[in-house]
Amino acid sequence: MYSGRYGFEFTFTKNYRAICVMYLRSHAYVFRGVYTIEEGDRIRFNVSDMKNEKSAGHINLKSGFVKASSSYFIFHAGLDRSRGRPTLVLKPERIIIDGRNSDGYFEPEMRLEKSG
């Protein structure tokens, strides 16, 4: 999370399901789908559903989604252990939403720490 209530939250599960929440002050965009690991250092997130959540404080991950077509994110991924706690570093390579190039949705580099 960044100041001003902006930030990202990614969930990658062992069964290859993925959720990405993009917080934009009072609302959030939520992307749901599956991920694969490609070429050893790339993560491809195939988006199946998405929605614009009006209240970032009360995100419903079960309903209100619309089907996404031709939507996926490709990130270059790496693990940084230099600060003691393992951190997943994601750098967006290709962001396609509804068949359109959507570069700029993500920061040039995102550092994600494992929670829980």
PDB file of N, CA and C in Angstrom:
ATOM      1  N   MET A   1       0.843  -1.185   0.000  1.00  0.00           N
ATOM      2  CA  MET A   1       0.000   0.000   0.000  1.00  0.00           C
ATOM      3  C   MET A   1       0.886   1.245   0.000  1.00  0.00           C
ATOM      4  N   TYR A   2       0.396   2.271  -0.670  1.00  0.00           N
ATOM      5  CA  TYR A   2       1.094   3.541  -0.738  1.00  0.00           C
ATOM      6  C   TYR A   2       0.285   4.583   0.034  1.00  0.00           C
ATOM      7  N   SER A   3       0.857   5.731   0.260  1.00  0.00           N
ATOM      8  CA  SER A   3       0.100   6.786   0.926  1.00  0.00           C
ATOM      9  C   SER A   3      -1.070   7.208   0.043  1.00  0.00           C
ATOM     10  N   GLY A   4      -2.094   7.745   0.657  1.00  0.00           N
ATOM     11  CA  GLY A   4      -3.268   8.180  -0.093  1.00  0.00           C
ATOM     12  C   GLY A   4      -4.228   7.052  -0.421  1.00  0.00           C
ATOM     13  N   ARG A   5      -4.076   5.925   0.223  1.00  0.00           N
ATOM     14  CA  ARG A   5      -4.930   4.737   0.030  1.00  0.00           C
ATOM     15  C   ARG A   5      -4.891   4.205  -1.413  1.00  0.00           C
ATOM     16  N   TYR A   6      -3.680   4.120  -1.939  1.00  0.00           N
ATOM     17  CA  TYR A   6      -3.437   3.487  -3.229  1.00  0.00           C
ATOM     18  C   TYR A   6      -2.596   2.245  -2.984  1.00  0.00           C
ATOM     19  N   GLY A   7      -2.790   1.218  -3.798  1.00  0.00           N
ATOM     20  CA  GLY A   7      -1.931   0.051  -3.648  1.00  0.00           C
ATOM     21  C   GLY A   7      -2.479  -1.174  -4.351  1.00  0.00           C
ATOM     22  N   PHE A   8      -1.791  -2.291  -4.139  1.00  0.00           N
ATOM     23  CA  PHE A   8      -2.105  -3.546  -4.802  1.00  0.00           C
ATOM     24  C   PHE A   8      -2.079  -4.674  -3.792  1.00  0.00           C
ATOM     25  N   GLU A   9      -2.917  -5.651  -4.019  1.00  0.00           N
ATOM     26  CA  GLU A   9      -2.901  -6.869  -3.213  1.00  0.00           C
ATOM     27  C   GLU A   9      -3.057  -8.043  -4.180  1.00  0.00           C
ATOM     28  N   PHE A  10      -2.140  -8.978  -4.110  1.00  0.00           N
ATOM     29  CA  PHE A  10      -2.189 -10.161  -4.953  1.00  0.00           C
ATOM     30  C   PHE A  10      -2.354 -11.390  -4.073  1.00  0.00           C
ATOM     31  N   THR A  11      -3.160 -12.321  -4.521  1.00  0.00           N
ATOM     32  CA  THR A  11      -3.300 -13.617  -3.860  1.00  0.00           C
ATOM     33  C   THR A  11      -3.025 -14.691  -4.903  1.00  0.00           C
ATOM     34  N   PHE A  12      -2.019 -15.508  -4.660  1.00  0.00           N
ATOM     35  CA  PHE A  12      -1.697 -16.645  -5.521  1.00  0.00           C
ATOM     36  C   PHE A  12      -1.854 -17.897  -4.665  1.00  0.00           C
ATOM     37  N   THR A  13      -2.774 -18.784  -5.022  1.00  0.00           N
ATOM     38  CA  THR A  13      -3.000 -19.982  -4.217  1.00  0.00           C
ATOM     39  C   THR A  13      -2.286 -21.183  -4.825  1.00  0.00           C
ATOM     40  N   LYS A  14      -2.196 -22.256  -4.046  1.00  0.00           N
ATOM     41  CA  LYS A  14      -1.521 -23.469  -4.513  1.00  0.00           C
ATOM     42  C   LYS A  14      -2.259 -24.136  -5.664  1.00  0.00           C
ATOM     43  N   ASN A  15      -3.566 -23.893  -5.798  1.00  0.00           N
ATOM     44  CA  ASN A  15      -4.328 -24.505  -6.889  1.00  0.00           C
ATOM     45  C   ASN A  15      -4.386 -23.592  -8.127  1.00  0.00           C
ATOM     46  N   TYR A  16      -3.452 -22.645  -8.213  1.00  0.00           N
ATOM     47  CA  TYR A  16      -3.264 -21.746  -9.358  1.00  0.00           C
ATOM     48  C   TYR A  16      -4.380 -20.723  -9.550  1.00  0.00           C
ATOM     49  N   ARG A  17      -5.185 -20.505  -8.554  1.00  0.00           N
ATOM     50  CA  ARG A  17      -6.159 -19.416  -8.600  1.00  0.00           C
ATOM     51  C   ARG A  17      -5.454 -18.132  -8.169  1.00  0.00           C
ATOM     52  N   ALA A  18      -5.930 -17.016  -8.712  1.00  0.00           N
ATOM     53  CA  ALA A  18      -5.300 -15.739  -8.397  1.00  0.00           C
ATOM     54  C   ALA A  18      -6.353 -14.639  -8.296  1.00  0.00           C
ATOM     55  N   ILE A  19      -6.071 -13.691  -7.418  1.00  0.00           N
ATOM     56  CA  ILE A  19      -6.900 -12.497  -7.274  1.00  0.00           C
ATOM     57  C   ILE A  19      -5.948 -11.304  -7.187  1.00  0.00           C
ATOM     58  N   CYS A  20      -6.300 -10.248  -7.879  1.00  0.00           N
ATOM     59  CA  CYS A  20      -5.549  -9.004  -7.795  1.00  0.00           C
ATOM     60  C   CYS A  20      -6.537  -7.904  -7.448  1.00  0.00           C
ATOM     61  N   VAL A  21      -6.244  -7.166  -6.379  1.00  0.00           N
ATOM     62  CA  VAL A  21      -7.057  -6.016  -5.994  1.00  0.00           C
ATOM     63  C   VAL A  21      -6.196  -4.773  -6.164  1.00  0.00           C
ATOM     64  N   MET A  22      -6.704  -3.828  -6.912  1.00  0.00           N
ATOM     65  CA  MET A  22      -6.023  -2.569  -7.144  1.00  0.00           C
ATOM     66  C   MET A  22      -6.813  -1.485  -6.401  1.00  0.00           C
ATOM     67  N   TYR A  23      -6.228  -0.949  -5.333  1.00  0.00           N
ATOM     68  CA  TYR A  23      -6.892   0.052  -4.505  1.00  0.00           C
ATOM     69  C   TYR A  23      -6.638   1.452  -5.056  1.00  0.00           C
ATOM     70  N   LEU A  24      -7.710   2.186  -5.285  1.00  0.00           N
ATOM     71  CA  LEU A  24      -7.615   3.562  -5.783  1.00  0.00           C
ATOM     72  C   LEU A  24      -8.472   4.453  -4.895  1.00  0.00           C
ATOM     73  N   ARG A  25      -7.889   4.844  -3.786  1.00  0.00           N
ATOM     74  CA  ARG A  25      -8.545   5.670  -2.763  1.00  0.00           C
ATOM     75  C   ARG A  25      -9.801   4.985  -2.232  1.00  0.00           C
ATOM     76  N   SER A  26     -10.996   5.432  -2.615  1.00  0.00           N
ATOM     77  CA  SER A  26     -12.218   4.908  -2.008  1.00  0.00           C
ATOM     78  C   SER A  26     -12.793   3.696  -2.735  1.00  0.00           C
ATOM     79  N   HIS A  27     -12.329   3.390  -3.934  1.00  0.00           N
ATOM     80  CA  HIS A  27     -12.846   2.214  -4.636  1.00  0.00           C
ATOM     81  C   HIS A  27     -11.685   1.304  -5.061  1.00  0.00           C
ATOM     82  N   ALA A  28     -12.036   0.175  -5.637  1.00  0.00           N
ATOM     83  CA  ALA A  28     -11.008  -0.798  -6.018  1.00  0.00           C
ATOM     84  C   ALA A  28     -11.441  -1.539  -7.280  1.00  0.00           C
ATOM     85  N   TYR A  29     -10.459  -1.950  -8.060  1.00  0.00           N
ATOM     86  CA  TYR A  29     -10.693  -2.865  -9.175  1.00  0.00           C
ATOM     87  C   TYR A  29     -10.251  -4.248  -8.711  1.00  0.00           C
ATOM     88  N   VAL A  30     -11.061  -5.242  -9.003  1.00  0.00           N
ATOM     89  CA  VAL A  30     -10.758  -6.608  -8.585  1.00  0.00           C
ATOM     90  C   VAL A  30     -10.712  -7.485  -9.826  1.00  0.00           C
ATOM     91  N   PHE A  31      -9.630  -8.238  -9.965  1.00  0.00           N
ATOM     92  CA  PHE A  31      -9.438  -9.156 -11.084  1.00  0.00           C
ATOM     93  C   PHE A  31      -9.301 -10.565 -10.513  1.00  0.00           C
ATOM     94  N   ARG A  32     -10.003 -11.504 -11.099  1.00  0.00           N
ATOM     95  CA  ARG A  32      -9.985 -12.890 -10.634  1.00  0.00           C
ATOM     96  C   ARG A  32      -9.648 -13.795 -11.810  1.00  0.00           C
ATOM     97  N   GLY A  33      -8.878 -14.861 -11.567  1.00  0.00           N
ATOM     98  CA  GLY A  33      -8.533 -15.782 -12.633  1.00  0.00           C
ATOM     99  C   GLY A  33      -7.587 -16.860 -12.166  1.00  0.00           C
ATOM    100  N   VAL A  34      -6.760 -17.329 -13.091  1.00  0.00           N
ATOM    101  CA  VAL A  34      -5.769 -18.358 -12.794  1.00  0.00           C
ATOM    102  C   VAL A  34      -4.406 -17.876 -13.282  1.00  0.00           C
ATOM    103  N   TYR A  35      -3.354 -18.439 -12.672  1.00  0.00           N
ATOM    104  CA  TYR A  35      -2.017 -18.047 -13.088  1.00  0.00           C
ATOM    105  C   TYR A  35      -1.216 -19.273 -13.501  1.00  0.00           C
ATOM    106  N   THR A  36      -0.232 -19.017 -14.325  1.00  0.00           N
ATOM    107  CA  THR A  36       0.734 -20.045 -14.720  1.00  0.00           C
ATOM    108  C   THR A  36       2.117 -19.421 -14.620  1.00  0.00           C
ATOM    109  N   ILE A  37       3.109 -20.275 -14.463  1.00  0.00           N
ATOM    110  CA  ILE A  37       4.493 -19.812 -14.452  1.00  0.00           C
ATOM    111  C   ILE A  37       5.095 -20.202 -15.788  1.00  0.00           C
ATOM    112  N   GLU A  38       5.617 -19.218 -16.507  1.00  0.00           N
ATOM    113  CA  GLU A  38       6.155 -19.426 -17.844  1.00  0.00           C
ATOM    114  C   GLU A  38       7.638 -19.089 -17.869  1.00  0.00           C
ATOM    115  N   GLU A  39       8.393 -19.858 -18.614  1.00  0.00           N
ATOM    116  CA  GLU A  39       9.817 -19.593 -18.841  1.00  0.00           C
ATOM    117  C   GLU A  39      10.601 -19.400 -17.543  1.00  0.00           C
ATOM    118  N   GLY A  40      10.124 -19.946 -16.442  1.00  0.00           N
ATOM    119  CA  GLY A  40      10.856 -19.914 -15.193  1.00  0.00           C
ATOM    120  C   GLY A  40      10.795 -18.626 -14.400  1.00  0.00           C
ATOM    121  N   ASP A  41      10.641 -17.481 -15.066  1.00  0.00           N
ATOM    122  CA  ASP A  41      10.640 -16.227 -14.317  1.00  0.00           C
ATOM    123  C   ASP A  41       9.500 -15.288 -14.701  1.00  0.00           C
ATOM    124  N   ARG A  42       8.483 -15.823 -15.341  1.00  0.00           N
ATOM    125  CA  ARG A  42       7.329 -15.010 -15.717  1.00  0.00           C
ATOM    126  C   ARG A  42       6.057 -15.627 -15.151  1.00  0.00           C
ATOM    127  N   ILE A  43       5.202 -14.749 -14.655  1.00  0.00           N
ATOM    128  CA  ILE A  43       3.891 -15.174 -14.180  1.00  0.00           C
ATOM    129  C   ILE A  43       2.855 -14.605 -15.127  1.00  0.00           C
ATOM    130  N   ARG A  44       2.004 -15.479 -15.633  1.00  0.00           N
ATOM    131  CA  ARG A  44       0.896 -15.050 -16.488  1.00  0.00           C
ATOM    132  C   ARG A  44      -0.389 -15.213 -15.689  1.00  0.00           C
ATOM    133  N   PHE A  45      -1.119 -14.140 -15.524  1.00  0.00           N
ATOM    134  CA  PHE A  45      -2.384 -14.110 -14.793  1.00  0.00           C
ATOM    135  C   PHE A  45      -3.476 -13.972 -15.848  1.00  0.00           C
ATOM    136  N   ASN A  46      -4.203 -15.057 -16.124  1.00  0.00           N
ATOM    137  CA  ASN A  46      -5.311 -15.035 -17.064  1.00  0.00           C
ATOM    138  C   ASN A  46      -6.573 -14.606 -16.320  1.00  0.00           C
ATOM    139  N   VAL A  47      -7.067 -13.432 -16.643  1.00  0.00           N
ATOM    140  CA  VAL A  47      -8.220 -12.852 -15.950  1.00  0.00           C
ATOM    141  C   VAL A  47      -9.502 -13.423 -16.536  1.00  0.00           C
ATOM    142  N   SER A  48     -10.336 -14.010 -15.683  1.00  0.00           N
ATOM    143  CA  SER A  48     -11.623 -14.534 -16.134  1.00  0.00           C
ATOM    144  C   SER A  48     -12.778 -13.619 -15.746  1.00  0.00           C
ATOM    145  N   ASP A  49     -12.651 -12.930 -14.606  1.00  0.00           N
ATOM    146  CA  ASP A  49     -13.709 -12.048 -14.111  1.00  0.00           C
ATOM    147  C   ASP A  49     -13.086 -10.780 -13.545  1.00  0.00           C
ATOM    148  N   MET A  50     -13.845  -9.686 -13.597  1.00  0.00           N
ATOM    149  CA  MET A  50     -13.363  -8.447 -13.001  1.00  0.00           C
ATOM    150  C   MET A  50     -14.543  -7.598 -12.577  1.00  0.00           C
ATOM    151  N   LYS A  51     -14.257  -6.626 -11.703  1.00  0.00           N
ATOM    152  CA  LYS A  51     -15.300  -5.693 -11.292  1.00  0.00           C
ATOM    153  C   LYS A  51     -14.687  -4.443 -10.700  1.00  0.00           C
ATOM    154  N   ASN A  52     -15.502  -3.402 -10.669  1.00  0.00           N
ATOM    155  CA  ASN A  52     -15.150  -2.138 -10.026  1.00  0.00           C
ATOM    156  C   ASN A  52     -15.939  -2.114  -8.724  1.00  0.00           C
ATOM    157  N   GLU A  53     -15.232  -2.229  -7.610  1.00  0.00           N
ATOM    158  CA  GLU A  53     -15.865  -2.249  -6.285  1.00  0.00           C
ATOM    159  C   GLU A  53     -15.958  -0.814  -5.781  1.00  0.00           C
ATOM    160  N   LYS A  54     -17.163  -0.375  -5.490  1.00  0.00           N
ATOM    161  CA  LYS A  54     -17.392   1.024  -5.094  1.00  0.00           C
ATOM    162  C   LYS A  54     -16.804   1.372  -3.728  1.00  0.00           C
ATOM    163  N   SER A  55     -16.669   0.383  -2.850  1.00  0.00           N
ATOM    164  CA  SER A  55     -16.134   0.641  -1.513  1.00  0.00           C
ATOM    165  C   SER A  55     -14.901  -0.222  -1.280  1.00  0.00           C
ATOM    166  N   ALA A  56     -13.734   0.399  -1.245  1.00  0.00           N
ATOM    167  CA  ALA A  56     -12.493  -0.347  -1.061  1.00  0.00           C
ATOM    168  C   ALA A  56     -12.409  -0.976   0.316  1.00  0.00           C
ATOM    169  N   GLY A  57     -13.195  -0.498   1.252  1.00  0.00           N
ATOM    170  CA  GLY A  57     -13.171  -1.048   2.593  1.00  0.00           C
ATOM    171  C   GLY A  57     -14.025  -2.286   2.768  1.00  0.00           C
ATOM    172  N   HIS A  58     -14.893  -2.569   1.822  1.00  0.00           N
ATOM    173  CA  HIS A  58     -15.814  -3.713   1.914  1.00  0.00           C
ATOM    174  C   HIS A  58     -15.853  -4.448   0.578  1.00  0.00           C
ATOM    175  N   ILE A  59     -14.802  -5.158   0.252  1.00  0.00           N
ATOM    176  CA  ILE A  59     -14.709  -5.828  -1.044  1.00  0.00           C
ATOM    177  C   ILE A  59     -15.354  -7.202  -0.967  1.00  0.00           C
ATOM    178  N   ASN A  60     -16.317  -7.431  -1.858  1.00  0.00           N
ATOM    179  CA  ASN A  60     -17.007  -8.716  -1.968  1.00  0.00           C
ATOM    180  C   ASN A  60     -16.292  -9.518  -3.058  1.00  0.00           C
ATOM    181  N   LEU A  61     -15.622 -10.591  -2.672  1.00  0.00           N
ATOM    182  CA  LEU A  61     -14.879 -11.411  -3.643  1.00  0.00           C
ATOM    183  C   LEU A  61     -15.716 -12.540  -4.230  1.00  0.00           C
ATOM    184  N   LYS A  62     -17.002 -12.622  -3.881  1.00  0.00           N
ATOM    185  CA  LYS A  62     -17.822 -13.743  -4.341  1.00  0.00           C
ATOM    186  C   LYS A  62     -18.816 -13.374  -5.434  1.00  0.00           C
ATOM    187  N   SER A  63     -19.284 -12.138  -5.483  1.00  0.00           N
ATOM    188  CA  SER A  63     -20.317 -11.803  -6.463  1.00  0.00           C
ATOM    189  C   SER A  63     -20.077 -10.419  -7.053  1.00  0.00           C
ATOM    190  N   GLY A  64     -20.858 -10.107  -8.102  1.00  0.00           N
ATOM    191  CA  GLY A  64     -20.777  -8.807  -8.741  1.00  0.00           C
ATOM    192  C   GLY A  64     -19.765  -8.705  -9.862  1.00  0.00           C
ATOM    193  N   PHE A  65     -19.170  -9.824 -10.234  1.00  0.00           N
ATOM    194  CA  PHE A  65     -18.150  -9.829 -11.282  1.00  0.00           C
ATOM    195  C   PHE A  65     -18.793  -9.918 -12.665  1.00  0.00           C
ATOM    196  N   VAL A  66     -18.092  -9.401 -13.650  1.00  0.00           N
ATOM    197  CA  VAL A  66     -18.465  -9.578 -15.049  1.00  0.00           C
ATOM    198  C   VAL A  66     -17.362 -10.387 -15.719  1.00  0.00           C
ATOM    199  N   LYS A  67     -17.725 -11.179 -16.696  1.00  0.00           N
ATOM    200  CA  LYS A  67     -16.746 -11.992 -17.418  1.00  0.00           C
ATOM    201  C   LYS A  67     -15.805 -11.090 -18.204  1.00  0.00           C
ATOM    202  N   ALA A  68     -14.573 -11.428 -18.174  1.00  0.00           N
ATOM    203  CA  ALA A  68     -13.552 -10.697 -18.928  1.00  0.00           C
ATOM    204  C   ALA A  68     -13.191 -11.514 -20.161  1.00  0.00           C
ATOM    205  N   SER A  69     -12.983 -10.833 -21.252  1.00  0.00           N
ATOM    206  CA  SER A  69     -12.552 -11.551 -22.453  1.00  0.00           C
ATOM    207  C   SER A  69     -11.207 -10.996 -22.890  1.00  0.00           C
ATOM    208  N   SER A  70     -10.336 -11.879 -23.317  1.00  0.00           N
ATOM    209  CA  SER A  70      -9.013 -11.492 -23.805  1.00  0.00           C
ATOM    210  C   SER A  70      -8.274 -10.601 -22.815  1.00  0.00           C
ATOM    211  N   SER A  71      -8.264 -11.006 -21.531  1.00  0.00           N
ATOM    212  CA  SER A  71      -7.604 -10.208 -20.503  1.00  0.00           C
ATOM    213  C   SER A  71      -6.557 -11.045 -19.790  1.00  0.00           C
ATOM    214  N   TYR A  72      -5.349 -10.489 -19.698  1.00  0.00           N
ATOM    215  CA  TYR A  72      -4.283 -11.187 -18.984  1.00  0.00           C
ATOM    216  C   TYR A  72      -3.192 -10.196 -18.604  1.00  0.00           C
ATOM    217  N   PHE A  73      -2.425 -10.580 -17.584  1.00  0.00           N
ATOM    218  CA  PHE A  73      -1.269  -9.806 -17.144  1.00  0.00           C
ATOM    219  C   PHE A  73      -0.056 -10.726 -17.216  1.00  0.00           C
ATOM    220  N   ILE A  74       1.058 -10.216 -17.710  1.00  0.00           N
ATOM    221  CA  ILE A  74       2.311 -10.963 -17.677  1.00  0.00           C
ATOM    222  C   ILE A  74       3.317 -10.128 -16.894  1.00  0.00           C
ATOM    223  N   PHE A  75       3.883 -10.751 -15.864  1.00  0.00           N
ATOM    224  CA  PHE A  75       4.873 -10.095 -15.011  1.00  0.00           C
ATOM    225  C   PHE A  75       6.178 -10.864 -15.053  1.00  0.00           C
ATOM    226  N   HIS A  76       7.291 -10.140 -15.086  1.00  0.00           N
ATOM    227  CA  HIS A  76       8.594 -10.741 -14.816  1.00  0.00           C
ATOM    228  C   HIS A  76       8.648 -10.847 -13.301  1.00  0.00           C
ATOM    229  N   ALA A  77       8.983 -12.008 -12.779  1.00  0.00           N
ATOM    230  CA  ALA A  77       8.953 -12.225 -11.333  1.00  0.00           C
ATOM    231  C   ALA A  77      10.316 -12.650 -10.822  1.00  0.00           C
ATOM    232  N   GLY A  78      10.627 -12.203  -9.632  1.00  0.00           N
ATOM    233  CA  GLY A  78      11.865 -12.586  -8.970  1.00  0.00           C
ATOM    234  C   GLY A  78      11.669 -12.574  -7.470  1.00  0.00           C
ATOM    235  N   LEU A  79      12.517 -13.270  -6.776  1.00  0.00           N
ATOM    236  CA  LEU A  79      12.466 -13.331  -5.321  1.00  0.00           C
ATOM    237  C   LEU A  79      13.666 -12.586  -4.757  1.00  0.00           C
ATOM    238  N   ASP A  80      13.411 -11.610  -3.904  1.00  0.00           N
ATOM    239  CA  ASP A  80      14.468 -10.823  -3.271  1.00  0.00           C
ATOM    240  C   ASP A  80      14.531 -11.203  -1.799  1.00  0.00           C
ATOM    241  N   ARG A  81      15.679 -11.704  -1.383  1.00  0.00           N
ATOM    242  CA  ARG A  81      15.870 -12.096   0.025  1.00  0.00           C
ATOM    243  C   ARG A  81      16.874 -11.192   0.730  1.00  0.00           C
ATOM    244  N   SER A  82      17.240 -10.094   0.114  1.00  0.00           N
ATOM    245  CA  SER A  82      18.295  -9.236   0.645  1.00  0.00           C
ATOM    246  C   SER A  82      17.900  -8.515   1.932  1.00  0.00           C
ATOM    247  N   ARG A  83      16.634  -8.340   2.183  1.00  0.00           N
ATOM    248  CA  ARG A  83      16.183  -7.611   3.378  1.00  0.00           C
ATOM    249  C   ARG A  83      15.733  -8.554   4.490  1.00  0.00           C
ATOM    250  N   GLY A  84      16.123  -9.813   4.401  1.00  0.00           N
ATOM    251  CA  GLY A  84      15.776 -10.787   5.438  1.00  0.00           C
ATOM    252  C   GLY A  84      14.497 -11.541   5.151  1.00  0.00           C
ATOM    253  N   ARG A  85      13.423 -10.838   4.876  1.00  0.00           N
ATOM    254  CA  ARG A  85      12.140 -11.479   4.595  1.00  0.00           C
ATOM    255  C   ARG A  85      11.969 -11.632   3.084  1.00  0.00           C
ATOM    256  N   PRO A  86      11.652 -12.832   2.597  1.00  0.00           N
ATOM    257  CA  PRO A  86      11.482 -13.009   1.148  1.00  0.00           C
ATOM    258  C   PRO A  86      10.412 -12.076   0.584  1.00  0.00           C
ATOM    259  N   THR A  87      10.734 -11.436  -0.519  1.00  0.00           N
ATOM    260  CA  THR A  87       9.824 -10.505  -1.173  1.00  0.00           C
ATOM    261  C   THR A  87       9.714 -10.879  -2.644  1.00  0.00           C
ATOM    262  N   LEU A  88       8.471 -11.020  -3.123  1.00  0.00           N
ATOM    263  CA  LEU A  88       8.228 -11.283  -4.531  1.00  0.00           C
ATOM    264  C   LEU A  88       8.250  -9.949  -5.265  1.00  0.00           C
ATOM    265  N   VAL A  89       9.093  -9.851  -6.271  1.00  0.00           N
ATOM    266  CA  VAL A  89       9.207  -8.627  -7.055  1.00  0.00           C
ATOM    267  C   VAL A  89       8.567  -8.876  -8.417  1.00  0.00           C
ATOM    268  N   LEU A  90       7.539  -8.079  -8.735  1.00  0.00           N
ATOM    269  CA  LEU A  90       6.838  -8.207 -10.010  1.00  0.00           C
ATOM    270  C   LEU A  90       7.064  -6.955 -10.841  1.00  0.00           C
ATOM    271  N   LYS A  91       7.423  -7.170 -12.109  1.00  0.00           N
ATOM    272  CA  LYS A  91       7.576  -6.072 -13.059  1.00  0.00           C
ATOM    273  C   LYS A  91       6.645  -6.368 -14.235  1.00  0.00           C
ATOM    274  N   PRO A  92       5.657  -5.508 -14.473  1.00  0.00           N
ATOM    275  CA  PRO A  92       4.715  -5.760 -15.563  1.00  0.00           C
ATOM    276  C   PRO A  92       5.401  -5.739 -16.932  1.00  0.00           C
ATOM    277  N   GLU A  93       5.103  -6.762 -17.718  1.00  0.00           N
ATOM    278  CA  GLU A  93       5.615  -6.817 -19.088  1.00  0.00           C
ATOM    279  C   GLU A  93       4.509  -6.553 -20.095  1.00  0.00           C
ATOM    280  N   ARG A  94       3.337  -7.103 -19.811  1.00  0.00           N
ATOM    281  CA  ARG A  94       2.216  -6.929 -20.734  1.00  0.00           C
ATOM    282  C   ARG A  94       0.926  -6.958 -19.933  1.00  0.00           C
ATOM    283  N   ILE A  95       0.094  -5.931 -20.093  1.00  0.00           N
ATOM    284  CA  ILE A  95      -1.185  -5.841 -19.408  1.00  0.00           C
ATOM    285  C   ILE A  95      -2.257  -5.653 -20.482  1.00  0.00           C
ATOM    286  N   ILE A  96      -3.087  -6.659 -20.655  1.00  0.00           N
ATOM    287  CA  ILE A  96      -4.142  -6.626 -21.667  1.00  0.00           C
ATOM    288  C   ILE A  96      -5.482  -6.787 -20.956  1.00  0.00           C
ATOM    289  N   ILE A  97      -6.364  -5.817 -21.132  1.00  0.00           N
ATOM    290  CA  ILE A  97      -7.705  -5.888 -20.538  1.00  0.00           C
ATOM    291  C   ILE A  97      -8.712  -5.709 -21.656  1.00  0.00           C
ATOM    292  N   ASP A  98      -9.593  -6.702 -21.794  1.00  0.00           N
ATOM    293  CA  ASP A  98     -10.598  -6.753 -22.870  1.00  0.00           C
ATOM    294  C   ASP A  98      -9.964  -6.534 -24.244  1.00  0.00           C
ATOM    295  N   GLY A  99      -8.815  -7.168 -24.454  1.00  0.00           N
ATOM    296  CA  GLY A  99      -8.151  -7.131 -25.740  1.00  0.00           C
ATOM    297  C   GLY A  99      -7.361  -5.866 -26.020  1.00  0.00           C
ATOM    298  N   ARG A 100      -7.323  -4.939 -25.069  1.00  0.00           N
ATOM    299  CA  ARG A 100      -6.626  -3.671 -25.281  1.00  0.00           C
ATOM    300  C   ARG A 100      -5.392  -3.581 -24.397  1.00  0.00           C
ATOM    301  N   ASN A 101      -4.340  -2.997 -24.942  1.00  0.00           N
ATOM    302  CA  ASN A 101      -3.124  -2.760 -24.176  1.00  0.00           C
ATOM    303  C   ASN A 101      -3.451  -1.768 -23.065  1.00  0.00           C
ATOM    304  N   SER A 102      -3.191  -2.161 -21.844  1.00  0.00           N
ATOM    305  CA  SER A 102      -3.521  -1.319 -20.688  1.00  0.00           C
ATOM    306  C   SER A 102      -2.292  -1.047 -19.837  1.00  0.00           C
ATOM    307  N   ASP A 103      -1.168  -0.778 -20.488  1.00  0.00           N
ATOM    308  CA  ASP A 103       0.036  -0.428 -19.747  1.00  0.00           C
ATOM    309  C   ASP A 103      -0.263   0.778 -18.865  1.00  0.00           C
ATOM    310  N   GLY A 104       0.347   0.814 -17.712  1.00  0.00           N
ATOM    311  CA  GLY A 104       0.131   1.923 -16.801  1.00  0.00           C
ATOM    312  C   GLY A 104      -0.794   1.581 -15.641  1.00  0.00           C
ATOM    313  N   TYR A 105      -1.426   0.420 -15.679  1.00  0.00           N
ATOM    314  CA  TYR A 105      -2.282   0.008 -14.568  1.00  0.00           C
ATOM    315  C   TYR A 105      -1.471  -0.291 -13.324  1.00  0.00           C
ATOM    316  N   PHE A 106      -0.247  -0.768 -13.508  1.00  0.00           N
ATOM    317  CA  PHE A 106       0.580  -1.181 -12.388  1.00  0.00           C
ATOM    318  C   PHE A 106       1.837  -0.329 -12.307  1.00  0.00           C
ATOM    319  N   GLU A 107       2.428  -0.311 -11.122  1.00  0.00           N
ATOM    320  CA  GLU A 107       3.701   0.355 -10.915  1.00  0.00           C
ATOM    321  C   GLU A 107       4.783  -0.368 -11.734  1.00  0.00           C
ATOM    322  N   PRO A 108       5.875   0.306 -12.106  1.00  0.00           N
ATOM    323  CA  PRO A 108       6.945  -0.352 -12.860  1.00  0.00           C
ATOM    324  C   PRO A 108       7.574  -1.520 -12.099  1.00  0.00           C
ATOM    325  N   GLU A 109       7.540  -1.451 -10.769  1.00  0.00           N
ATOM    326  CA  GLU A 109       8.033  -2.551  -9.948  1.00  0.00           C
ATOM    327  C   GLU A 109       7.189  -2.606  -8.679  1.00  0.00           C
ATOM    328  N   MET A 110       6.680  -3.798  -8.387  1.00  0.00           N
ATOM    329  CA  MET A 110       5.895  -4.006  -7.171  1.00  0.00           C
ATOM    330  C   MET A 110       6.609  -5.023  -6.306  1.00  0.00           C
ATOM    331  N   ARG A 111       6.763  -4.694  -5.037  1.00  0.00           N
ATOM    332  CA  ARG A 111       7.438  -5.573  -4.075  1.00  0.00           C
ATOM    333  C   ARG A 111       6.371  -6.096  -3.126  1.00  0.00           C
ATOM    334  N   LEU A 112       6.127  -7.390  -3.186  1.00  0.00           N
ATOM    335  CA  LEU A 112       5.038  -7.991  -2.418  1.00  0.00           C
ATOM    336  C   LEU A 112       5.614  -8.873  -1.311  1.00  0.00           C
ATOM    337  N   GLU A 113       5.237  -8.569  -0.094  1.00  0.00           N
ATOM    338  CA  GLU A 113       5.653  -9.382   1.032  1.00  0.00           C
ATOM    339  C   GLU A 113       4.548 -10.361   1.368  1.00  0.00           C
ATOM    340  N   LYS A 114       4.935 -11.567   1.733  1.00  0.00           N
ATOM    341  CA  LYS A 114       3.981 -12.606   2.085  1.00  0.00           C
ATOM    342  C   LYS A 114       3.289 -12.224   3.380  1.00  0.00           C
ATOM    343  N   SER A 115       1.987 -12.370   3.402  1.00  0.00           N
ATOM    344  CA  SER A 115       1.247 -12.093   4.635  1.00  0.00           C
ATOM    345  C   SER A 115       0.817 -13.407   5.258  1.00  0.00           C
ATOM    346  N   GLY A 116       0.631 -13.366   6.554  1.00  0.00           N
ATOM    347  CA  GLY A 116       0.144 -14.557   7.264  1.00  0.00           C
ATOM    348  C   GLY A 116       1.121 -15.597   7.545  1.00  0.00           C
TER     349      GLY A 116
END
